[in-house]
Each structure stands twice: as C-alpha cells, then as structure tokens.
C-alpha cells in the first residue's frame, strides 16, 4: 500500500462446494494478510452455500486475457522464456453472467506463456475471459480444518430463507392496514 492508500489489499476468493466440484470465483475481500483473507472469505461467502475448500489470491497476482483482447491483439508476448516452469491454475469465465471456474493447471515459464497455454488447452470450451494464477500465489484452507471452518455455519438458522417469515409478516401488516393483495 502507498502512504495515501487506505484500502487493505484485495484478494479474489474461490470456493468449492464439494470434493468433485471445481473451485468457482465467489468475489473479493479486503484483508491485511492471507490468513485474514481466508477468514473474511469464510464469513462473507460461506454463510449459505456448502463449502469444502476456499482459495484466496491477491488480485494483483491474477493475470487475465479477454476474448476481445485475444481477437484484437492476439496472445500476449512472452519476454523471458528461460526461467523454470511453474504450475499455473487456470480459471475460465464462459458467459457474461457466470463466474470464473477452475478448469485445470498448466506448466509455464511466465504469466504470458501461461495465458497462451490456457487458451491453447481450454479455448475450445468457449471462454470469454481466462485467468491464470501461479500455484504458489494461492492460499488454501487446510483440509484438516474443514469442520472447524465451515460446520458452524451449517447449524445457523439464517442460512435458510424459511427462517425469515417475511411473506407472513407482510400479509399480516397488509391485513392490519386493510390493504388487499
């Protein structure tokens, strides 16, 4: 953060609803560090949906490419291909109203090379936006902590919309005021 910046760093959050499901982009949280990012992500995004895993990554560590950029400019140019290959996780957004979903991992020597490989390997799936993230940039929940992180939310009545008797309450208010539906 710069001296004039009052925002904590932004982390992009991905949740997984079940062991056989992909991680899907949930949104973002601001946090001082990775640990706080996971805690904030749990509190913000895991109140209702089932969750077995959360990933958080600094937004600045996500490298992206849109279908429009690809059509207009082509693939980004890789400047330094001499480094060691590392694992990049690939996320693909298929529709404008959808979220980025994890589609796999690739090996590449740079973010630009990772984006090129992502388009080559997953472009046939009809993506409109590709994200690649170095595997080392992702902070993950520990599988051994699943129960302590997520089970407490399962018993909370606010998870269920039937907990809120809004329709019944509104009907009673209308009856008291003599308003017909």
Foldseek 3Di string as FASTA:
>chain_A
DDPPDPFAFKKWKWFAQDPPGWTWTDGIDGDNDDVVRVLVCLVPPQLAGHTQKMKIFGPVQKDKDFPVCCVVPNQDDDDDQPAFWAKKWKWFDQDPPGTTTTDGIDIGRDQSRRVVVCCVVPVVVRGGMMIIGGPVRMDMDDSVCRCVRRVVSVPDPVNDPVSDPVVVVVVVVCVVVVHDD
